[in-house]
């Protein structure tokens, strides 16, 4: 009988997805940003959220308005990505994560 290897072969796609996920995980919080940038970020009131595997169906309630990924949610602040337990925002070239 032929011997089977214990480790399953992985294609490049899952590897790329894992690297992208770990890159998202490495995004720090607001407190990791330079202090002058922290002071400029508009305050956001985060409410409920809907997470889906389909990015088009992900929603986050921000300042009582349902928002999608890619939308500008306050002057200069873009909701980049919704994750299962956090949102990634960008402001003036800085990315930061806000857990919910």
Protein backbone atom coordinates (compact mmCIF):
# COMPACT_ATOMS: atom_id res chain seq x y z
CA UNK A 1 0.00 0.00 0.00
CA UNK A 2 1.31 3.51 -0.80
CA UNK A 3 2.30 5.64 2.17
CA UNK A 4 0.35 8.82 2.72
CA UNK A 5 2.05 11.91 4.04
CA UNK A 6 0.71 13.22 7.32
CA UNK A 7 0.67 16.84 6.17
CA UNK A 8 -1.96 17.76 3.57
CA UNK A 9 -0.74 19.79 0.64
CA UNK A 10 -1.87 23.41 0.65
CA UNK A 11 -2.52 25.47 -2.43
CA UNK A 12 -1.34 29.07 -2.72
CA UNK A 13 -4.86 30.48 -2.24
CA UNK A 14 -5.35 29.42 1.43
CA UNK A 15 -1.80 30.59 2.17
CA UNK A 16 -2.55 34.01 0.65
CA UNK A 17 -5.79 34.22 2.64
CA UNK A 18 -3.94 33.37 5.86
CA UNK A 19 -1.33 36.05 5.16
CA UNK A 20 -4.04 38.64 4.43
CA UNK A 21 -5.86 37.68 7.65
CA UNK A 22 -2.69 37.97 9.72
CA UNK A 23 -1.97 41.37 8.12
CA UNK A 24 -5.43 42.53 9.23
CA UNK A 25 -4.83 41.14 12.73
CA UNK A 26 -1.61 43.16 12.98
CA UNK A 27 -3.48 46.47 12.58
CA UNK A 28 -3.20 48.22 15.93
CA UNK A 29 -5.77 50.17 17.90
CA UNK A 30 -6.27 53.93 18.07
CA UNK A 31 -3.82 54.14 21.00
CA UNK A 32 -1.07 52.72 18.75
CA UNK A 33 -1.33 55.73 16.43
CA UNK A 34 0.77 58.89 16.87
CA UNK A 35 -0.82 61.16 19.48
CA UNK A 36 -1.46 64.11 17.10
CA UNK A 37 -3.38 61.74 14.78
CA UNK A 38 -5.37 60.30 17.71
CA UNK A 39 -6.55 63.80 18.61
CA UNK A 40 -7.73 64.48 15.03
CA UNK A 41 -9.86 61.34 14.60
CA UNK A 42 -13.56 62.23 14.88
CA UNK A 43 -15.46 60.43 17.64
CA UNK A 44 -17.68 57.63 16.31
CA UNK A 45 -20.57 55.96 18.13
CA UNK A 46 -20.51 52.29 17.14
CA UNK A 47 -23.70 50.29 17.54
CA UNK A 48 -24.73 46.87 16.31
CA UNK A 49 -23.10 45.02 13.46
CA UNK A 50 -23.81 42.25 10.98
CA UNK A 51 -20.87 40.10 9.94
CA UNK A 52 -21.12 37.84 6.92
CA UNK A 53 -18.64 35.87 4.83
CA UNK A 54 -19.95 37.98 1.93
CA UNK A 55 -18.39 41.46 2.31
CA UNK A 56 -21.39 43.07 0.55
CA UNK A 57 -23.64 41.92 3.42
CA UNK A 58 -21.47 43.25 6.27
CA UNK A 59 -22.92 46.25 8.10
CA UNK A 60 -21.90 48.37 11.07
CA UNK A 61 -24.12 50.90 12.82
CA UNK A 62 -22.07 54.11 13.14
CA UNK A 63 -23.69 57.25 14.53
CA UNK A 64 -27.13 55.63 14.01
CA UNK A 65 -26.48 54.98 10.27
CA UNK A 66 -25.87 51.53 8.74
CA UNK A 67 -22.52 51.59 6.96
CA UNK A 68 -20.77 49.23 4.53
CA UNK A 69 -17.08 48.52 3.96
CA UNK A 70 -15.41 51.21 1.87
CA UNK A 71 -17.69 54.06 2.98
CA UNK A 72 -16.49 57.35 4.43
CA UNK A 73 -18.15 57.35 7.86
CA UNK A 74 -16.89 60.75 9.08
CA UNK A 75 -14.76 63.46 7.47
CA UNK A 76 -11.54 61.67 6.46
CA UNK A 77 -12.47 58.37 8.16
CA UNK A 78 -13.11 55.32 5.97
CA UNK A 79 -14.54 52.01 7.17
CA UNK A 80 -12.06 49.71 5.41
CA UNK A 81 -13.09 46.27 6.63
CA UNK A 82 -15.48 44.56 9.01
CA UNK A 83 -14.04 41.53 10.78
CA UNK A 84 -15.91 39.08 13.03
CA UNK A 85 -15.05 41.08 16.19
CA UNK A 86 -13.53 44.37 15.03
CA UNK A 87 -13.68 47.08 12.38
CA UNK A 88 -10.64 48.43 10.53
CA UNK A 89 -10.74 52.15 9.77
CA UNK A 90 -8.33 54.43 7.93
CA UNK A 91 -7.63 58.09 8.63
CA UNK A 92 -4.97 60.21 6.88
CA UNK A 93 -3.09 57.11 5.73
CA UNK A 94 -3.17 55.45 9.16
CA UNK A 95 -5.09 52.20 9.71
CA UNK A 96 -6.50 51.23 13.10
CA UNK A 97 -8.77 48.57 14.57
CA UNK A 98 -11.76 49.13 16.84
CA UNK A 99 -13.13 46.02 18.59
CA UNK A 100 -16.87 45.57 19.08
